[in-house]
Structures are given as structure tokens and as C-alpha cells.
N, C-alpha and C. Protein backbone atom coordinates (compact mmCIF):
# COMPACT_ATOMS: atom_id res chain seq x y z
N UNK A 1 -139.69 -136.17 144.51
CA UNK A 1 -140.00 -135.39 145.75
C UNK A 1 -139.37 -134.15 145.84
N UNK A 2 -140.69 -133.39 145.97
CA UNK A 2 -139.89 -131.82 145.59
C UNK A 2 -138.79 -131.54 147.20
N UNK A 3 -138.18 -130.23 146.88
CA UNK A 3 -137.18 -130.23 147.78
C UNK A 3 -137.91 -128.73 148.67
N UNK A 4 -137.37 -129.14 150.27
CA UNK A 4 -138.08 -128.44 151.06
C UNK A 4 -137.56 -126.98 151.19
N UNK A 5 -138.80 -126.39 151.53
CA UNK A 5 -138.47 -124.63 151.45
C UNK A 5 -137.96 -124.44 152.96
N UNK A 6 -136.65 -124.02 153.11
CA UNK A 6 -136.03 -123.88 154.46
C UNK A 6 -136.46 -122.25 155.02
N UNK A 7 -137.06 -121.26 154.07
CA UNK A 7 -137.45 -120.38 154.71
C UNK A 7 -138.65 -120.13 155.18
N UNK A 8 -139.44 -121.44 154.80
CA UNK A 8 -140.24 -121.54 155.77
C UNK A 8 -140.52 -121.94 157.56
N UNK A 9 -139.42 -122.47 157.56
CA UNK A 9 -138.99 -123.40 158.63
C UNK A 9 -137.87 -122.27 159.63
N UNK A 10 -137.62 -121.24 158.76
CA UNK A 10 -136.51 -120.24 159.22
C UNK A 10 -137.42 -119.37 159.99
N UNK A 11 -138.82 -118.84 159.15
CA UNK A 11 -139.70 -118.02 159.76
C UNK A 11 -140.46 -118.43 160.86
N UNK A 12 -140.84 -119.43 160.75
CA UNK A 12 -141.63 -120.11 161.71
C UNK A 12 -140.53 -119.65 163.14
N UNK A 13 -139.05 -120.26 162.76
CA UNK A 13 -138.33 -120.57 163.86
C UNK A 13 -137.89 -119.09 164.62
N UNK A 14 -137.90 -117.97 163.67
CA UNK A 14 -137.35 -116.56 164.20
C UNK A 14 -138.74 -115.49 164.75
N UNK A 15 -139.62 -116.44 164.20
CA UNK A 15 -140.87 -115.54 165.25
C UNK A 15 -140.68 -116.31 166.47
N UNK A 16 -140.87 -117.28 166.26
CA UNK A 16 -140.90 -118.05 168.24
C UNK A 16 -139.47 -117.90 168.95
N UNK A 17 -138.16 -117.45 168.22
CA UNK A 17 -137.21 -116.82 169.25
C UNK A 17 -137.72 -115.46 169.64
N UNK A 18 -138.50 -114.75 168.47
CA UNK A 18 -138.35 -113.25 168.97
C UNK A 18 -139.48 -113.24 169.79
N UNK A 19 -140.57 -113.67 170.25
CA UNK A 19 -141.41 -114.13 171.17
C UNK A 19 -140.34 -114.55 172.79
N UNK A 20 -139.91 -114.89 172.44
CA UNK A 20 -138.81 -116.20 173.38
C UNK A 20 -137.99 -114.80 174.12
N UNK A 21 -137.45 -114.36 173.46
CA UNK A 21 -136.59 -113.28 173.78
C UNK A 21 -137.26 -111.96 174.33
N UNK A 22 -138.38 -111.52 173.94
CA UNK A 22 -139.27 -110.47 174.88
C UNK A 22 -139.55 -111.26 175.90
N UNK A 23 -139.91 -113.04 175.99
CA UNK A 23 -140.19 -112.92 177.22
C UNK A 23 -139.36 -113.03 178.69
N UNK A 24 -138.66 -113.74 178.07
CA UNK A 24 -137.31 -113.75 178.70
C UNK A 24 -136.57 -112.46 179.33
N UNK A 25 -136.84 -111.21 178.30
CA UNK A 25 -136.27 -110.36 178.76
C UNK A 25 -137.51 -109.01 179.50
N UNK A 26 -139.04 -109.79 179.48
CA UNK A 26 -139.70 -109.33 180.52
C UNK A 26 -139.33 -109.79 181.97
N UNK A 27 -139.08 -111.30 182.07
CA UNK A 27 -138.67 -111.65 183.22
C UNK A 27 -137.61 -110.99 183.80
N UNK A 28 -136.69 -110.80 182.98
CA UNK A 28 -135.41 -110.10 183.49
C UNK A 28 -135.40 -108.76 184.37
N UNK A 29 -136.29 -107.93 183.52
CA UNK A 29 -136.19 -106.80 183.53
C UNK A 29 -137.27 -106.43 185.29
N UNK A 30 -137.87 -107.33 184.97
CA UNK A 30 -139.11 -106.77 186.29
C UNK A 30 -138.37 -107.49 187.13
N UNK A 31 -137.63 -108.67 186.96
CA UNK A 31 -136.71 -109.51 188.48
C UNK A 31 -135.42 -108.44 188.85
N UNK A 32 -135.11 -107.27 188.00
CA UNK A 32 -134.22 -106.67 188.28
C UNK A 32 -132.68 -107.02 188.01
N UNK A 33 -132.71 -108.33 187.46
CA UNK A 33 -131.35 -109.22 187.34
C UNK A 33 -130.51 -108.35 186.76
N UNK A 34 -129.28 -108.77 187.50
CA UNK A 34 -127.94 -108.23 187.09
C UNK A 34 -127.55 -108.21 185.34
N UNK A 35 -127.39 -107.12 185.04
CA UNK A 35 -127.40 -106.96 184.00
C UNK A 35 -128.50 -106.88 183.20
N UNK A 36 -129.47 -106.22 183.71
CA UNK A 36 -131.23 -106.16 183.08
C UNK A 36 -130.77 -105.17 181.89
N UNK A 37 -130.18 -104.20 181.57
CA UNK A 37 -129.65 -103.66 180.42
C UNK A 37 -129.85 -104.65 179.13
N UNK A 38 -129.24 -105.79 179.45
CA UNK A 38 -129.28 -106.87 178.56
C UNK A 38 -130.62 -107.16 177.84
N UNK A 39 -131.63 -107.38 178.88
CA UNK A 39 -132.69 -107.70 178.93
C UNK A 39 -133.89 -106.98 178.20
N UNK A 40 -133.31 -105.46 178.63
CA UNK A 40 -133.98 -104.56 178.11
C UNK A 40 -133.71 -104.17 176.05
N UNK A 41 -132.36 -104.63 175.96
CA UNK A 41 -132.43 -104.83 174.78
C UNK A 41 -133.10 -106.07 174.03
N UNK A 42 -132.98 -106.96 174.84
CA UNK A 42 -133.70 -108.32 174.13
C UNK A 42 -135.24 -107.98 173.72
N UNK A 43 -135.78 -107.35 175.05
CA UNK A 43 -137.39 -106.83 174.44
C UNK A 43 -137.19 -106.11 173.29
N UNK A 44 -136.17 -105.08 172.95
CA UNK A 44 -136.25 -104.46 171.47
C UNK A 44 -135.97 -105.16 170.66
N UNK A 45 -134.91 -106.10 171.08
CA UNK A 45 -134.28 -106.70 169.68
C UNK A 45 -135.68 -107.87 169.28
N UNK A 46 -136.56 -108.74 170.24
CA UNK A 46 -137.74 -109.64 169.90
C UNK A 46 -138.54 -108.66 169.35
N UNK A 47 -138.61 -107.70 169.47
CA UNK A 47 -140.16 -106.83 169.22
C UNK A 47 -139.63 -106.50 168.04
N UNK A 48 -138.39 -106.17 167.36
CA UNK A 48 -138.36 -105.78 166.13
C UNK A 48 -138.26 -107.13 165.12
N UNK A 49 -137.65 -108.59 165.37
CA UNK A 49 -137.77 -109.94 164.93
C UNK A 49 -139.56 -110.19 164.61
N UNK A 50 -139.79 -109.80 165.59
CA UNK A 50 -141.52 -110.28 165.60
C UNK A 50 -141.93 -109.43 164.48
N UNK A 51 -141.76 -107.89 164.27
CA UNK A 51 -142.50 -107.27 163.26
C UNK A 51 -141.89 -107.63 161.75
N UNK A 52 -140.43 -108.41 162.13
CA UNK A 52 -140.20 -108.30 160.35
C UNK A 52 -140.68 -109.78 160.52
N UNK A 53 -140.47 -110.60 160.97
CA UNK A 53 -140.73 -112.27 160.73
C UNK A 53 -142.30 -112.43 160.81
N UNK A 54 -143.35 -111.49 161.13
CA UNK A 54 -144.80 -111.84 161.17
C UNK A 54 -145.41 -112.05 159.93
N UNK A 55 -145.01 -111.54 158.70
CA UNK A 55 -145.42 -112.00 157.63
C UNK A 55 -145.00 -113.31 156.80
N UNK A 56 -145.33 -114.02 156.57
CA UNK A 56 -145.17 -114.89 155.84
C UNK A 56 -145.00 -114.69 154.39
N UNK A 57 -143.80 -115.26 153.79
CA UNK A 57 -143.86 -115.19 152.26
C UNK A 57 -144.16 -116.42 151.27
N UNK A 58 -144.19 -115.69 150.65
CA UNK A 58 -144.99 -117.08 149.20
C UNK A 58 -144.30 -118.06 149.21
N UNK A 59 -145.01 -119.37 149.27
CA UNK A 59 -144.19 -120.48 148.56
C UNK A 59 -144.07 -120.36 147.22
N UNK A 60 -142.93 -121.33 146.69
CA UNK A 60 -142.93 -121.53 145.36
C UNK A 60 -143.87 -122.27 145.10
N UNK A 61 -144.24 -123.40 145.56
CA UNK A 61 -145.37 -124.19 145.26
C UNK A 61 -146.36 -124.26 145.87
N UNK A 62 -147.30 -124.67 145.54
CA UNK A 62 -148.91 -124.77 146.40
C UNK A 62 -149.10 -123.50 147.13
N UNK A 63 -149.90 -123.62 147.92
CA UNK A 63 -150.60 -122.46 148.86
C UNK A 63 -149.79 -122.02 149.95
N UNK A 64 -150.07 -120.67 150.14
CA UNK A 64 -149.68 -120.49 151.34
C UNK A 64 -150.52 -119.63 152.06
N UNK A 65 -151.19 -120.13 153.58
CA UNK A 65 -152.14 -119.59 154.25
C UNK A 65 -151.52 -118.21 155.32
N UNK A 66 -151.99 -117.27 154.87
CA UNK A 66 -151.60 -115.62 155.00
C UNK A 66 -151.69 -115.51 156.75
N UNK A 67 -151.28 -115.04 157.50
CA UNK A 67 -151.48 -114.34 159.20
C UNK A 67 -152.52 -113.57 159.16
N UNK A 68 -153.25 -113.58 160.48
CA UNK A 68 -154.13 -112.64 160.46
C UNK A 68 -153.34 -110.92 160.10
N UNK A 69 -154.08 -110.39 159.81
CA UNK A 69 -153.47 -109.17 159.98
C UNK A 69 -152.06 -108.88 159.12
N UNK A 70 -151.37 -110.12 158.38
CA UNK A 70 -150.18 -109.74 157.59
C UNK A 70 -150.34 -108.61 156.50
N UNK A 71 -151.07 -108.14 155.96
CA UNK A 71 -150.95 -107.62 154.94
C UNK A 71 -150.63 -106.24 155.16
N UNK A 72 -150.92 -106.06 156.10
CA UNK A 72 -150.35 -104.43 156.75
C UNK A 72 -148.98 -104.59 157.01
N UNK A 73 -148.35 -105.61 157.61
CA UNK A 73 -147.44 -105.54 157.80
C UNK A 73 -146.18 -106.38 156.77
N UNK A 74 -146.87 -106.79 155.93
CA UNK A 74 -146.20 -106.98 154.33
C UNK A 74 -145.92 -105.76 153.51
N UNK A 75 -146.92 -104.59 153.85
CA UNK A 75 -146.31 -103.62 153.10
C UNK A 75 -144.90 -102.83 153.69
N UNK A 76 -144.96 -102.66 155.38
CA UNK A 76 -143.79 -102.57 155.46
C UNK A 76 -142.92 -103.24 155.48
N UNK A 77 -142.75 -104.21 155.54
CA UNK A 77 -141.56 -105.00 155.10
C UNK A 77 -141.15 -105.00 153.72
N UNK A 78 -142.27 -104.80 152.91
CA UNK A 78 -141.86 -104.50 151.48
C UNK A 78 -141.09 -103.34 151.03
N UNK A 79 -141.35 -102.28 151.80
CA UNK A 79 -140.70 -100.65 151.68
C UNK A 79 -139.15 -101.09 151.96
N UNK A 80 -138.55 -101.98 152.79
CA UNK A 80 -137.18 -102.06 152.94
C UNK A 80 -136.69 -102.86 151.50
N UNK A 81 -137.51 -103.30 150.68
CA UNK A 81 -136.80 -104.10 149.79
C UNK A 81 -135.80 -104.76 149.92
N UNK A 82 -134.67 -105.38 149.34
CA UNK A 82 -133.54 -106.21 149.05
C UNK A 82 -132.94 -106.27 150.64
N UNK A 83 -133.33 -105.20 151.63
CA UNK A 83 -132.68 -105.78 152.94
C UNK A 83 -133.79 -106.58 153.40
N UNK A 84 -134.92 -106.54 153.23
CA UNK A 84 -135.66 -108.09 154.01
C UNK A 84 -136.15 -109.13 152.92
N UNK A 85 -136.11 -108.63 151.91
CA UNK A 85 -136.16 -109.98 150.91
C UNK A 85 -135.23 -110.83 150.92
N UNK A 86 -134.16 -110.11 150.95
CA UNK A 86 -132.62 -111.23 151.12
C UNK A 86 -132.50 -112.13 152.04
N UNK A 87 -132.61 -113.50 151.93
CA UNK A 87 -132.35 -114.26 153.06
C UNK A 87 -130.93 -114.02 153.77
N UNK A 88 -129.78 -113.97 152.82
CA UNK A 88 -128.55 -113.51 153.71
C UNK A 88 -128.14 -112.30 154.54
N UNK A 89 -129.23 -111.38 154.13
CA UNK A 89 -129.35 -110.70 155.04
C UNK A 89 -129.80 -110.62 156.18
N UNK A 90 -130.76 -111.49 156.30
CA UNK A 90 -131.73 -111.64 157.46
C UNK A 90 -130.89 -112.92 158.75
N UNK A 91 -129.70 -113.55 157.51
CA UNK A 91 -129.32 -114.45 158.51
C UNK A 91 -128.30 -113.87 159.39
N UNK A 92 -127.71 -113.00 158.67
CA UNK A 92 -126.48 -112.03 159.54
C UNK A 92 -127.02 -110.91 160.56
N UNK A 93 -128.20 -110.46 160.38
CA UNK A 93 -129.22 -109.89 161.25
C UNK A 93 -129.52 -110.63 162.39
N UNK A 94 -130.02 -111.34 162.14
CA UNK A 94 -130.24 -112.36 163.45
C UNK A 94 -129.19 -113.04 164.10
N UNK A 95 -128.55 -113.28 163.54
CA UNK A 95 -127.14 -113.59 164.16
C UNK A 95 -126.67 -112.37 165.20
N UNK A 96 -126.52 -111.24 164.35
CA UNK A 96 -126.08 -110.43 165.64
C UNK A 96 -127.23 -109.47 166.29
N UNK A 97 -128.07 -109.88 166.08
CA UNK A 97 -129.16 -109.53 167.09
C UNK A 97 -129.10 -110.53 168.32
N UNK A 98 -128.56 -111.59 167.91
CA UNK A 98 -128.09 -112.60 169.42
C UNK A 98 -127.54 -112.58 170.15
N UNK A 99 -126.36 -112.04 169.77
CA UNK A 99 -125.38 -111.55 170.18
C UNK A 99 -125.22 -111.12 172.15
N UNK A 100 -126.10 -109.45 171.61
CA UNK A 100 -125.75 -109.44 173.20
C UNK A 100 -127.35 -109.97 174.11
N UNK A 101 -127.75 -110.46 173.42
CA UNK A 101 -128.99 -111.32 174.76
C UNK A 101 -128.41 -112.76 175.32
N UNK A 102 -126.99 -113.10 174.60
CA UNK A 102 -126.47 -114.12 175.24
C UNK A 102 -125.78 -113.65 176.67
N UNK A 103 -125.54 -112.67 176.98
CA UNK A 103 -125.26 -112.58 178.23
C UNK A 103 -125.81 -112.19 179.42
N UNK A 104 -126.78 -113.13 179.60
CA UNK A 104 -128.24 -113.15 180.17
C UNK A 104 -128.73 -114.48 180.46
N UNK A 105 -128.87 -114.89 181.39
CA UNK A 105 -129.46 -116.19 181.44
C UNK A 105 -130.70 -116.20 181.08
N UNK A 106 -131.57 -115.35 181.78
CA UNK A 106 -132.99 -115.34 181.47
C UNK A 106 -133.28 -115.50 179.87
N UNK A 107 -132.51 -114.78 178.71
CA UNK A 107 -132.65 -114.78 177.28
C UNK A 107 -131.31 -115.49 176.54
N UNK A 108 -131.09 -116.91 177.23
CA UNK A 108 -130.34 -117.59 176.80
C UNK A 108 -131.14 -118.46 175.55
N UNK A 109 -132.21 -118.96 176.19
CA UNK A 109 -133.37 -119.59 175.17
C UNK A 109 -133.27 -118.92 173.53
N UNK A 110 -133.95 -117.57 174.16
CA UNK A 110 -134.00 -116.87 172.79
C UNK A 110 -132.84 -116.71 172.16
N UNK A 111 -131.94 -116.46 172.42
CA UNK A 111 -130.66 -116.67 171.22
C UNK A 111 -129.79 -117.69 171.14
N UNK A 112 -130.50 -118.93 171.52
CA UNK A 112 -130.28 -120.26 171.08
C UNK A 112 -131.37 -120.64 169.75
N UNK A 113 -132.51 -120.11 170.16
CA UNK A 113 -133.47 -120.15 169.08
C UNK A 113 -133.26 -119.62 167.86
N UNK A 114 -132.72 -118.02 168.02
CA UNK A 114 -132.57 -117.27 166.95
C UNK A 114 -131.09 -118.02 166.27
N UNK A 115 -130.49 -118.62 166.92
CA UNK A 115 -129.04 -118.63 166.39
C UNK A 115 -129.35 -119.54 165.12
N UNK A 116 -130.16 -120.71 165.61
CA UNK A 116 -130.68 -121.84 165.12
C UNK A 116 -131.50 -121.15 163.46
N UNK A 117 -132.38 -120.02 163.87
CA UNK A 117 -133.23 -119.29 162.87
C UNK A 117 -132.58 -118.93 161.60
N UNK A 118 -131.19 -118.38 162.03
CA UNK A 118 -129.93 -117.81 161.59
C UNK A 118 -129.66 -119.09 161.16
N UNK A 119 -129.19 -119.83 161.21
CA UNK A 119 -128.55 -121.12 160.24
C UNK A 119 -129.56 -121.45 159.11
N UNK A 120 -130.97 -122.05 159.59
CA UNK A 120 -131.97 -122.18 158.81
C UNK A 120 -132.08 -120.98 157.83
N UNK A 121 -131.94 -119.55 158.00
CA UNK A 121 -132.10 -118.58 156.88
C UNK A 121 -130.36 -118.49 155.96
N UNK A 122 -129.62 -119.01 156.63
CA UNK A 122 -128.28 -119.13 155.62
C UNK A 122 -128.16 -120.30 154.62
N UNK A 123 -128.91 -121.12 155.07
CA UNK A 123 -129.44 -122.66 154.15
C UNK A 123 -130.37 -122.00 153.35
N UNK A 124 -131.25 -121.43 153.34
CA UNK A 124 -131.89 -121.20 152.66
C UNK A 124 -131.51 -119.97 151.65
N UNK A 125 -131.01 -119.14 151.94
CA UNK A 125 -130.11 -118.10 150.83
C UNK A 125 -128.93 -119.19 150.48
N UNK A 126 -128.56 -120.33 150.56
CA UNK A 126 -127.83 -121.28 149.80
C UNK A 126 -128.74 -121.71 149.03
N UNK A 127 -129.73 -121.97 149.00
CA UNK A 127 -130.58 -122.82 148.00
C UNK A 127 -131.04 -121.87 147.13
N UNK A 128 -130.97 -120.71 147.02
CA UNK A 128 -131.40 -119.57 145.79
C UNK A 128 -132.82 -119.48 146.86
N UNK A 129 -133.45 -119.12 147.80
CA UNK A 129 -134.68 -118.75 148.09
C UNK A 129 -134.52 -117.48 148.57
N UNK A 130 -135.93 -116.80 148.04
CA UNK A 130 -136.00 -115.28 148.41
C UNK A 130 -137.40 -115.25 149.18
N UNK A 131 -137.26 -113.97 149.64
CA UNK A 131 -138.62 -113.61 150.50
C UNK A 131 -139.72 -112.84 149.27
N UNK A 132 -140.74 -113.32 148.90
CA UNK A 132 -141.47 -112.99 147.98
C UNK A 132 -142.92 -112.75 148.54
N UNK A 133 -143.80 -111.30 148.94
CA UNK A 133 -144.79 -111.38 149.63
C UNK A 133 -145.81 -112.18 149.17
N UNK A 134 -147.03 -111.94 149.72
CA UNK A 134 -148.33 -113.43 149.39
C UNK A 134 -149.30 -111.89 149.07
N UNK A 135 -148.95 -111.97 148.38
CA UNK A 135 -150.62 -110.89 147.56
C UNK A 135 -151.90 -111.41 146.77
N UNK A 136 -152.71 -110.81 147.25
CA UNK A 136 -154.27 -111.49 147.34
C UNK A 136 -154.84 -110.79 145.60
N UNK A 137 -155.09 -112.00 145.08
CA UNK A 137 -155.27 -112.21 143.74
C UNK A 137 -156.90 -111.23 143.64
N UNK A 138 -157.59 -110.60 142.97
CA UNK A 138 -158.55 -109.72 143.33
C UNK A 138 -159.82 -110.91 142.63
N UNK A 139 -160.73 -111.04 143.31
CA UNK A 139 -161.43 -112.06 143.10
C UNK A 139 -162.96 -111.84 141.99
N UNK A 140 -162.77 -112.76 140.79
CA UNK A 140 -163.55 -112.33 139.93
C UNK A 140 -165.06 -113.00 140.05
N UNK A 141 -165.61 -111.86 139.80
CA UNK A 141 -167.51 -112.47 139.73
C UNK A 141 -167.81 -113.18 138.57
N UNK A 142 -168.26 -113.94 138.53
CA UNK A 142 -168.57 -114.33 137.21
C UNK A 142 -169.83 -113.88 136.81
N UNK A 143 -169.75 -113.66 135.42
CA UNK A 143 -171.22 -112.81 134.93
C UNK A 143 -172.30 -114.02 134.85
N UNK A 144 -173.45 -113.15 134.86
CA UNK A 144 -174.90 -113.82 134.85
C UNK A 144 -174.98 -114.66 133.30
N UNK A 145 -174.46 -114.15 132.19
CA UNK A 145 -174.71 -114.39 131.41
C UNK A 145 -173.61 -115.63 130.79
N UNK A 146 -172.76 -115.43 131.44
CA UNK A 146 -171.59 -116.27 130.78
C UNK A 146 -170.99 -117.53 131.60
N UNK A 147 -172.25 -117.64 132.83
CA UNK A 147 -171.86 -118.86 133.48
C UNK A 147 -172.14 -120.59 132.46
N UNK A 148 -172.64 -120.08 131.44
CA UNK A 148 -173.40 -121.28 130.84
C UNK A 148 -172.28 -120.87 129.48
N UNK A 149 -171.62 -122.40 129.43
CA UNK A 149 -170.98 -121.71 127.84
C UNK A 149 -172.10 -122.12 126.68
N UNK A 150 -172.65 -123.37 126.77
CA UNK A 150 -173.08 -123.78 125.60
C UNK A 150 -174.43 -124.84 126.31
N UNK A 151 -175.37 -124.53 125.74
CA UNK A 151 -176.71 -125.55 125.93
C UNK A 151 -176.72 -126.94 125.72
N UNK A 152 -177.48 -127.53 126.60
CA UNK A 152 -177.08 -128.85 126.35
C UNK A 152 -177.19 -129.39 125.37
N UNK A 153 -176.93 -130.70 124.51
CA UNK A 153 -176.68 -131.06 123.43
C UNK A 153 -178.48 -131.86 123.03
N UNK A 154 -177.57 -133.25 124.26
CA UNK A 154 -178.50 -134.52 124.56
C UNK A 154 -179.78 -134.49 125.58
N UNK A 155 -180.78 -135.09 125.32
CA UNK A 155 -181.85 -134.85 126.17
C UNK A 155 -181.58 -135.53 127.40
N UNK A 156 -182.12 -134.92 128.66
CA UNK A 156 -181.72 -135.93 130.08
C UNK A 156 -182.41 -137.63 129.84
N UNK A 157 -181.37 -138.36 130.44
CA UNK A 157 -182.01 -140.00 130.63
C UNK A 157 -183.48 -139.91 131.26
N UNK A 158 -184.20 -140.83 130.45
CA UNK A 158 -185.57 -141.22 130.48
C UNK A 158 -185.44 -142.80 130.79
N UNK A 159 -186.31 -142.87 131.89
CA UNK A 159 -186.68 -144.73 132.00
C UNK A 159 -186.80 -145.42 130.88
N UNK A 160 -186.87 -146.71 130.79
CA UNK A 160 -187.06 -147.49 129.88
C UNK A 160 -188.60 -147.06 129.37
N UNK A 161 -189.05 -147.17 127.99
CA UNK A 161 -190.71 -147.56 128.14
C UNK A 161 -191.41 -148.46 128.80
N UNK A 162 -190.86 -149.57 129.00
CA UNK A 162 -191.68 -150.73 129.93
C UNK A 162 -192.24 -149.76 131.32
N UNK A 163 -191.10 -149.32 131.69
CA UNK A 163 -191.38 -148.53 133.09
C UNK A 163 -192.27 -147.38 133.02
N UNK A 164 -192.05 -146.50 132.03
CA UNK A 164 -193.06 -145.41 131.59
C UNK A 164 -194.72 -145.28 131.91
N UNK A 165 -195.13 -147.09 131.25
CA UNK A 165 -196.35 -147.12 131.48
C UNK A 165 -197.22 -147.10 132.69
N UNK A 166 -198.25 -146.38 132.45
CA UNK A 166 -198.78 -146.19 133.88
C UNK A 166 -200.02 -147.28 134.02
N UNK A 167 -200.62 -147.92 135.11
CA UNK A 167 -201.78 -148.69 135.22
C UNK A 167 -202.82 -147.95 134.89
N UNK A 168 -203.89 -148.46 134.40
CA UNK A 168 -204.88 -147.93 134.04
C UNK A 168 -205.35 -146.93 134.98
N UNK A 169 -205.44 -147.72 136.51
CA UNK A 169 -205.83 -147.24 137.62
C UNK A 169 -205.54 -145.72 138.01
N UNK A 170 -204.25 -145.62 137.98
CA UNK A 170 -203.64 -144.35 137.95
C UNK A 170 -203.84 -143.60 137.09
N UNK A 171 -203.62 -144.03 136.18
CA UNK A 171 -203.89 -142.85 134.89
C UNK A 171 -205.37 -141.94 134.91
N UNK A 172 -206.47 -142.87 135.53
CA UNK A 172 -207.36 -142.05 135.73
C UNK A 172 -207.30 -141.35 136.74
N UNK A 173 -206.76 -141.55 137.84
CA UNK A 173 -206.81 -140.60 139.28
C UNK A 173 -207.41 -141.56 140.32
N UNK A 174 -207.94 -142.39 139.57
CA UNK A 174 -208.84 -143.32 140.78
C UNK A 174 -208.18 -144.24 141.97
N UNK A 175 -208.90 -144.42 143.12
CA UNK A 175 -208.24 -145.13 143.80
C UNK A 175 -208.44 -146.43 144.39
N UNK A 176 -207.59 -147.25 144.08
CA UNK A 176 -207.85 -148.81 144.10
C UNK A 176 -208.64 -149.11 145.03
N UNK A 177 -209.33 -150.20 144.79
CA UNK A 177 -210.38 -150.47 145.92
C UNK A 177 -209.65 -151.44 146.83
N UNK A 178 -210.13 -151.27 147.92
CA UNK A 178 -209.44 -151.87 149.37
C UNK A 178 -209.87 -153.47 148.89
N UNK A 179 -208.73 -154.17 149.60
CA UNK A 179 -208.76 -155.84 149.30
C UNK A 179 -209.00 -156.04 150.79
N UNK A 180 -209.89 -156.74 151.09
CA UNK A 180 -210.30 -157.40 152.24
C UNK A 180 -209.42 -158.30 152.58
N UNK A 181 -209.12 -158.10 154.13
CA UNK A 181 -208.27 -159.04 154.92
C UNK A 181 -208.87 -160.57 155.11
N UNK A 182 -207.99 -161.33 155.06
CA UNK A 182 -208.43 -163.05 155.63
C UNK A 182 -208.86 -163.03 157.10
N UNK A 183 -209.90 -163.45 157.22
CA UNK A 183 -210.79 -163.78 158.38
C UNK A 183 -209.77 -164.48 159.02
N UNK A 184 -209.35 -164.34 160.11
CA UNK A 184 -208.65 -165.12 161.38
C UNK A 184 -209.25 -166.29 161.78
N UNK A 185 -208.77 -167.38 162.24
CA UNK A 185 -209.67 -168.70 162.03
C UNK A 185 -209.13 -168.67 163.83
N UNK A 186 -210.24 -169.31 164.37
CA UNK A 186 -210.37 -168.89 165.58
C UNK A 186 -210.36 -170.64 166.74
């Protein structure tokens, strides 16, 4: 059996925790909770996390489904190079972003989820995983003349000679005579 690619789990966990941080922050800011400044921070941190985690990384084996519009964010994440590619950096970044949001009840769930994502990223980094962008390969259009490599060598299958013989009436195109129906006994 193949090993689990932990980075895929961490990516989904971190994206969800970013959304949870944003939602909890909006609730706390709108309600003017005590310490709502931490909620404003968690909104900004959640948006940053969502932008960083939106593009999925390529899997080592198999195919990876690209998220809608991911190619634009992939270009932004690629610009930062080893800072965004290395999972040790992501684990530390998520752990440090989670700390200020822990001081408010409305954002504590997002903090806990982000801590779990940080731990999963640390596990992925220890196992040697690294973020690789999903790059689309250009589709090759088949050339019209090159689709058939060689013409067939053998003839197509034919029915046996007995089945190919036609009845004389069918050969001439004549319609067979109608057979009278037997009279019913009354």
C-alpha cells in the first residue's frame, strides 16, 4: 500500500480553518465583542490563510483535481518560492497566526482547526513532502494523417459460405407468394 500524502489533508484543513476564522471574526466584529480587535485580526489572518491554501499542490502519484480559478492563485504562490513551497514554513506560519485568535471565544474554533492543520503540515514536512504546483500540459491535437499508423492486414470477418448463399427468390428480387391460411372449422 502507498503512503498517505499528508499535505493534501493539511491543505483542506487549513483552508477550512481560514474560512472558520473569517466567519468567527465577522460575528465578533459585528457584535462588538469585548476584544473585537482580535476578531478583526482573525478576519485578516483567515483571508491570508485562504489565499495561501486555495491552490492545491500536485500529488506524487495519481491525478489532482484543480480547484476552480486555482491557476491565478498558483502564480501568486509560486512567486514566493521556498517560503510557500516548504511545509515547515507553513506549519510555523499557521501556528503563529493561530495564537492571537485564541484570545476570543468566537474565533477559538478556527484557532483549534488551524493548530491541527499546522500539526499535519509538520508531519508532512517531516515525511519529506513539498508543495508542487499543478501545471497543465498542453493538449496535443492529433494530426489527420498520423492517426492511423498502419492499414489493416487481415480482411474483415465474413460469415461462413453456407450462410452467404441466398435463396433463388431473394436473388431475383421477387416477393414470395402468399401462403393461404387454413380455413377455420366451424
